[in-house]
Amino acid sequence: MKLTEEQKLQNKLLRQKNKIEKKVNDKVFREMNQKEVESIIINIEWRKSRMWGYCPTCEAKIHFKNGTSEISPTYTASGCGYDKESTVIANVFNDYLKYKLWRIFHDLISKDKDVPYGIYSGKYKTDFDIEVKHVSFDGGIGTNCYNRISKFIGGEFEHISSGKTFDVFKYTDEE
């Protein structure tokens, strides 16, 4: 039996919807199952740009609770009109600490807790009305916000060293 053009179109749309759902679910699953972090050392070097002034280049060394460690990818920020340092710190937090936000997601959504500035949580709809839950750490908010954010997720954030062209921060998990 041959399919009609309408049936072919419906099948195509169903495949597209399933593909989007799988992609969204895989992303959330990866974020929820990140390795648990013991500590993160965040090294930021400031490099002069002719266009944007000083711009941060950041690498982090992550120590996991299972005894392993790794070096993060390099994060950069340029432009003007926002806090570039907190943007690269947010990148590190999003890549290694999102699992902590997922653990308290329902409290974030219902606002049962006093959520500090710089944590985003919400829901949105994609094509095909797929509801996507999303959590993240915001950049461009000021580095000092990460002290409150870290306490909120069960850790401590401290500025441990600085110089003319570098800053070093440390996140330590207290749970």
C-alpha atoms as a PDB file:
ATOM      1  CA  MET A   1       0.000   0.000   0.000  1.00  0.00           C
ATOM      2  CA  LYS A   2       1.385   3.383  -1.003  1.00  0.00           C
ATOM      3  CA  LEU A   3       1.409   6.282   1.403  1.00  0.00           C
ATOM      4  CA  THR A   4      -0.372   9.448   0.431  1.00  0.00           C
ATOM      5  CA  GLU A   5       1.514  12.741   0.282  1.00  0.00           C
ATOM      6  CA  GLU A   6      -0.204  13.798   3.504  1.00  0.00           C
ATOM      7  CA  GLN A   7       0.917  10.610   5.291  1.00  0.00           C
ATOM      8  CA  LYS A   8       4.472  11.113   4.021  1.00  0.00           C
ATOM      9  CA  LEU A   9       4.451  14.669   5.357  1.00  0.00           C
ATOM     10  CA  GLN A  10       3.098  13.527   8.738  1.00  0.00           C
ATOM     11  CA  ASN A  11       5.814  10.866   8.967  1.00  0.00           C
ATOM     12  CA  LYS A  12       8.477  13.423   8.084  1.00  0.00           C
ATOM     13  CA  LEU A  13       7.208  15.850  10.751  1.00  0.00           C
ATOM     14  CA  LEU A  14       7.082  13.049  13.333  1.00  0.00           C
ATOM     15  CA  ARG A  15      10.711  12.114  12.559  1.00  0.00           C
ATOM     16  CA  GLN A  16      11.744  15.772  12.918  1.00  0.00           C
ATOM     17  CA  LYS A  17       9.901  16.077  16.239  1.00  0.00           C
ATOM     18  CA  ASN A  18      11.507  12.876  17.561  1.00  0.00           C
ATOM     19  CA  LYS A  19      14.937  14.118  16.483  1.00  0.00           C
ATOM     20  CA  ILE A  20      14.475  17.412  18.363  1.00  0.00           C
ATOM     21  CA  GLU A  21      13.164  15.617  21.484  1.00  0.00           C
ATOM     22  CA  LYS A  22      16.130  13.250  21.487  1.00  0.00           C
ATOM     23  CA  LYS A  23      18.592  16.110  21.104  1.00  0.00           C
ATOM     24  CA  VAL A  24      16.998  18.055  23.978  1.00  0.00           C
ATOM     25  CA  ASN A  25      16.782  14.988  26.233  1.00  0.00           C
ATOM     26  CA  ASP A  26      20.397  14.005  25.503  1.00  0.00           C
ATOM     27  CA  LYS A  27      21.623  17.508  26.398  1.00  0.00           C
ATOM     28  CA  VAL A  28      19.698  17.571  29.681  1.00  0.00           C
ATOM     29  CA  PHE A  29      20.864  14.025  30.507  1.00  0.00           C
ATOM     30  CA  ARG A  30      24.529  15.023  29.952  1.00  0.00           C
ATOM     31  CA  GLU A  31      24.120  18.107  32.150  1.00  0.00           C
ATOM     32  CA  MET A  32      22.383  16.183  34.944  1.00  0.00           C
ATOM     33  CA  ASN A  33      25.074  13.498  34.924  1.00  0.00           C
ATOM     34  CA  GLN A  34      28.226  15.609  34.936  1.00  0.00           C
ATOM     35  CA  LYS A  35      30.989  14.258  37.167  1.00  0.00           C
ATOM     36  CA  GLU A  36      30.778  15.640  40.707  1.00  0.00           C
ATOM     37  CA  VAL A  37      33.318  18.400  41.295  1.00  0.00           C
ATOM     38  CA  GLU A  38      35.545  18.679  44.338  1.00  0.00           C
ATOM     39  CA  SER A  39      37.260  21.941  43.321  1.00  0.00           C
ATOM     40  CA  ILE A  40      37.977  24.165  40.348  1.00  0.00           C
ATOM     41  CA  ILE A  41      40.949  26.492  39.933  1.00  0.00           C
ATOM     42  CA  ILE A  42      40.075  29.210  37.393  1.00  0.00           C
ATOM     43  CA  ASN A  43      43.033  31.006  35.789  1.00  0.00           C
ATOM     44  CA  ILE A  44      42.261  34.187  33.862  1.00  0.00           C
ATOM     45  CA  GLU A  45      44.854  36.013  31.794  1.00  0.00           C
ATOM     46  CA  TRP A  46      44.083  39.496  30.541  1.00  0.00           C
ATOM     47  CA  ARG A  47      45.219  40.259  27.007  1.00  0.00           C
ATOM     48  CA  LYS A  48      45.116  43.658  25.365  1.00  0.00           C
ATOM     49  CA  SER A  49      42.943  44.020  22.286  1.00  0.00           C
ATOM     50  CA  ARG A  50      43.267  47.103  20.117  1.00  0.00           C
ATOM     51  CA  MET A  51      39.520  47.135  19.633  1.00  0.00           C
ATOM     52  CA  TRP A  52      38.113  46.031  23.022  1.00  0.00           C
ATOM     53  CA  GLY A  53      40.747  46.862  25.639  1.00  0.00           C
ATOM     54  CA  TYR A  54      41.688  44.035  27.986  1.00  0.00           C
ATOM     55  CA  CYS A  55      39.915  40.732  27.328  1.00  0.00           C
ATOM     56  CA  PRO A  56      40.020  37.599  29.504  1.00  0.00           C
ATOM     57  CA  THR A  57      41.305  34.221  28.378  1.00  0.00           C
ATOM     58  CA  CYS A  58      40.390  31.539  30.879  1.00  0.00           C
ATOM     59  CA  GLU A  59      41.390  27.954  31.573  1.00  0.00           C
ATOM     60  CA  ALA A  60      40.375  25.925  34.579  1.00  0.00           C
ATOM     61  CA  LYS A  61      41.707  22.833  36.292  1.00  0.00           C
ATOM     62  CA  ILE A  62      38.875  20.719  37.582  1.00  0.00           C
ATOM     63  CA  HIS A  63      39.338  18.150  40.359  1.00  0.00           C
ATOM     64  CA  PHE A  64      36.522  15.622  40.555  1.00  0.00           C
ATOM     65  CA  LYS A  65      35.317  13.729  43.613  1.00  0.00           C
ATOM     66  CA  ASN A  66      36.237  10.425  41.951  1.00  0.00           C
ATOM     67  CA  GLY A  67      39.944  11.424  42.116  1.00  0.00           C
ATOM     68  CA  THR A  68      40.388  12.412  38.470  1.00  0.00           C
ATOM     69  CA  SER A  69      41.087  15.858  37.079  1.00  0.00           C
ATOM     70  CA  GLU A  70      41.058  17.639  33.747  1.00  0.00           C
ATOM     71  CA  ILE A  71      41.849  20.960  32.115  1.00  0.00           C
ATOM     72  CA  SER A  72      38.902  22.853  30.641  1.00  0.00           C
ATOM     73  CA  PRO A  73      38.746  24.200  27.124  1.00  0.00           C
ATOM     74  CA  THR A  74      39.898  27.803  26.735  1.00  0.00           C
ATOM     75  CA  TYR A  75      37.167  30.405  27.206  1.00  0.00           C
ATOM     76  CA  THR A  76      37.404  33.982  25.954  1.00  0.00           C
ATOM     77  CA  ALA A  77      35.232  37.090  25.989  1.00  0.00           C
ATOM     78  CA  SER A  78      35.533  40.283  24.001  1.00  0.00           C
ATOM     79  CA  GLY A  79      33.450  43.324  23.271  1.00  0.00           C
ATOM     80  CA  CYS A  80      32.304  45.973  25.676  1.00  0.00           C
ATOM     81  CA  GLY A  81      29.350  46.923  27.828  1.00  0.00           C
ATOM     82  CA  TYR A  82      29.319  43.876  30.134  1.00  0.00           C
ATOM     83  CA  ASP A  83      31.497  42.122  32.686  1.00  0.00           C
ATOM     84  CA  LYS A  84      33.787  39.884  30.640  1.00  0.00           C
ATOM     85  CA  GLU A  85      35.414  38.196  33.634  1.00  0.00           C
ATOM     86  CA  SER A  86      32.125  36.839  34.988  1.00  0.00           C
ATOM     87  CA  THR A  87      31.268  35.647  31.480  1.00  0.00           C
ATOM     88  CA  VAL A  88      34.246  33.288  31.292  1.00  0.00           C
ATOM     89  CA  ILE A  89      33.579  32.150  34.875  1.00  0.00           C
ATOM     90  CA  ALA A  90      29.970  31.386  33.881  1.00  0.00           C
ATOM     91  CA  ASN A  91      31.298  29.249  31.012  1.00  0.00           C
ATOM     92  CA  VAL A  92      33.321  27.160  33.481  1.00  0.00           C
ATOM     93  CA  PHE A  93      30.359  26.822  35.868  1.00  0.00           C
ATOM     94  CA  ASN A  94      28.012  25.847  33.027  1.00  0.00           C
ATOM     95  CA  ASP A  95      30.412  23.218  31.693  1.00  0.00           C
ATOM     96  CA  TYR A  96      31.160  21.609  35.074  1.00  0.00           C
ATOM     97  CA  LEU A  97      28.550  22.565  37.708  1.00  0.00           C
ATOM     98  CA  LYS A  98      25.161  22.501  35.978  1.00  0.00           C
ATOM     99  CA  TYR A  99      24.360  19.188  37.644  1.00  0.00           C
ATOM    100  CA  LYS A 100      24.003  21.115  40.906  1.00  0.00           C
ATOM    101  CA  LEU A 101      21.304  23.345  39.391  1.00  0.00           C
ATOM    102  CA  TRP A 102      19.422  20.334  38.016  1.00  0.00           C
ATOM    103  CA  ARG A 103      19.327  18.809  41.508  1.00  0.00           C
ATOM    104  CA  ILE A 104      17.394  21.821  42.784  1.00  0.00           C
ATOM    105  CA  PHE A 105      15.519  22.595  39.550  1.00  0.00           C
ATOM    106  CA  HIS A 106      12.007  22.273  40.986  1.00  0.00           C
ATOM    107  CA  ASP A 107      12.884  24.645  43.831  1.00  0.00           C
ATOM    108  CA  LEU A 108      14.251  27.111  41.290  1.00  0.00           C
ATOM    109  CA  ILE A 109      11.115  26.980  39.139  1.00  0.00           C
ATOM    110  CA  SER A 110       8.707  27.273  42.053  1.00  0.00           C
ATOM    111  CA  LYS A 111      10.882  29.951  43.663  1.00  0.00           C
ATOM    112  CA  ASP A 112      10.794  28.092  46.997  1.00  0.00           C
ATOM    113  CA  LYS A 113      14.336  29.309  47.556  1.00  0.00           C
ATOM    114  CA  ASP A 114      15.743  32.819  47.385  1.00  0.00           C
ATOM    115  CA  VAL A 115      17.616  32.331  44.105  1.00  0.00           C
ATOM    116  CA  PRO A 116      20.677  34.575  43.745  1.00  0.00           C
ATOM    117  CA  TYR A 117      21.128  36.881  40.790  1.00  0.00           C
ATOM    118  CA  GLY A 118      22.969  35.075  38.014  1.00  0.00           C
ATOM    119  CA  ILE A 119      21.114  31.758  38.035  1.00  0.00           C
ATOM    120  CA  TYR A 120      18.630  31.234  35.245  1.00  0.00           C
ATOM    121  CA  SER A 121      15.946  28.571  35.304  1.00  0.00           C
ATOM    122  CA  GLY A 122      12.891  28.251  33.181  1.00  0.00           C
ATOM    123  CA  LYS A 123      10.981  26.507  30.476  1.00  0.00           C
ATOM    124  CA  TYR A 124      10.423  27.329  26.847  1.00  0.00           C
ATOM    125  CA  LYS A 125       8.809  25.699  23.842  1.00  0.00           C
ATOM    126  CA  THR A 126      10.574  24.683  20.648  1.00  0.00           C
ATOM    127  CA  ASP A 127       9.152  23.813  17.282  1.00  0.00           C
ATOM    128  CA  PHE A 128       6.430  21.174  17.598  1.00  0.00           C
ATOM    129  CA  ASP A 129       5.567  22.604  21.071  1.00  0.00           C
ATOM    130  CA  ILE A 130       8.229  20.548  22.832  1.00  0.00           C
ATOM    131  CA  GLU A 131       8.660  21.925  26.357  1.00  0.00           C
ATOM    132  CA  VAL A 132      12.310  22.346  27.284  1.00  0.00           C
ATOM    133  CA  LYS A 133      13.494  22.832  30.841  1.00  0.00           C
ATOM    134  CA  HIS A 134      16.643  24.927  31.095  1.00  0.00           C
ATOM    135  CA  VAL A 135      19.047  25.978  33.833  1.00  0.00           C
ATOM    136  CA  SER A 136      22.273  27.954  33.559  1.00  0.00           C
ATOM    137  CA  PHE A 137      24.694  30.314  35.200  1.00  0.00           C
ATOM    138  CA  ASP A 138      24.661  33.802  33.673  1.00  0.00           C
ATOM    139  CA  GLY A 139      27.686  35.771  32.583  1.00  0.00           C
ATOM    140  CA  GLY A 140      28.134  39.510  32.434  1.00  0.00           C
ATOM    141  CA  ILE A 141      26.738  39.909  35.953  1.00  0.00           C
ATOM    142  CA  GLY A 142      29.845  40.787  37.944  1.00  0.00           C
ATOM    143  CA  THR A 143      32.311  38.357  39.456  1.00  0.00           C
ATOM    144  CA  ASN A 144      31.177  39.064  43.034  1.00  0.00           C
ATOM    145  CA  CYS A 145      27.820  37.426  42.260  1.00  0.00           C
ATOM    146  CA  TYR A 146      29.627  34.086  42.096  1.00  0.00           C
ATOM    147  CA  ASN A 147      30.224  34.227  45.865  1.00  0.00           C
ATOM    148  CA  ARG A 148      26.449  34.058  46.509  1.00  0.00           C
ATOM    149  CA  ILE A 149      25.865  31.628  43.646  1.00  0.00           C
ATOM    150  CA  SER A 150      28.526  29.260  45.008  1.00  0.00           C
ATOM    151  CA  LYS A 151      27.038  29.321  48.511  1.00  0.00           C
ATOM    152  CA  PHE A 152      23.606  28.637  47.025  1.00  0.00           C
ATOM    153  CA  ILE A 153      24.799  25.501  45.207  1.00  0.00           C
ATOM    154  CA  GLY A 154      26.825  24.247  48.179  1.00  0.00           C
ATOM    155  CA  GLY A 155      30.291  25.590  47.579  1.00  0.00           C
ATOM    156  CA  GLU A 156      32.687  28.423  48.228  1.00  0.00           C
ATOM    157  CA  PHE A 157      34.143  30.832  45.657  1.00  0.00           C
ATOM    158  CA  GLU A 158      37.244  32.819  46.465  1.00  0.00           C
ATOM    159  CA  HIS A 159      39.663  35.139  44.715  1.00  0.00           C
ATOM    160  CA  ILE A 160      43.032  33.626  45.577  1.00  0.00           C
ATOM    161  CA  SER A 161      45.523  35.630  43.524  1.00  0.00           C
ATOM    162  CA  SER A 162      45.861  38.523  41.096  1.00  0.00           C
ATOM    163  CA  GLY A 163      48.408  40.612  39.268  1.00  0.00           C
ATOM    164  CA  LYS A 164      48.534  43.174  36.485  1.00  0.00           C
ATOM    165  CA  THR A 165      47.454  40.684  33.840  1.00  0.00           C
ATOM    166  CA  PHE A 166      45.987  37.714  35.693  1.00  0.00           C
ATOM    167  CA  ASP A 167      43.379  36.642  38.252  1.00  0.00           C
ATOM    168  CA  VAL A 168      42.970  33.254  39.920  1.00  0.00           C
ATOM    169  CA  PHE A 169      39.749  32.029  41.528  1.00  0.00           C
ATOM    170  CA  LYS A 170      38.907  28.812  43.323  1.00  0.00           C
ATOM    171  CA  TYR A 171      35.579  27.065  43.688  1.00  0.00           C
ATOM    172  CA  THR A 172      35.451  24.406  46.404  1.00  0.00           C
ATOM    173  CA  ASP A 173      32.495  22.084  46.912  1.00  0.00           C
ATOM    174  CA  GLU A 174      31.420  21.899  50.554  1.00  0.00           C
ATOM    175  CA  GLU A 175      28.896  19.060  50.268  1.00  0.00           C
END
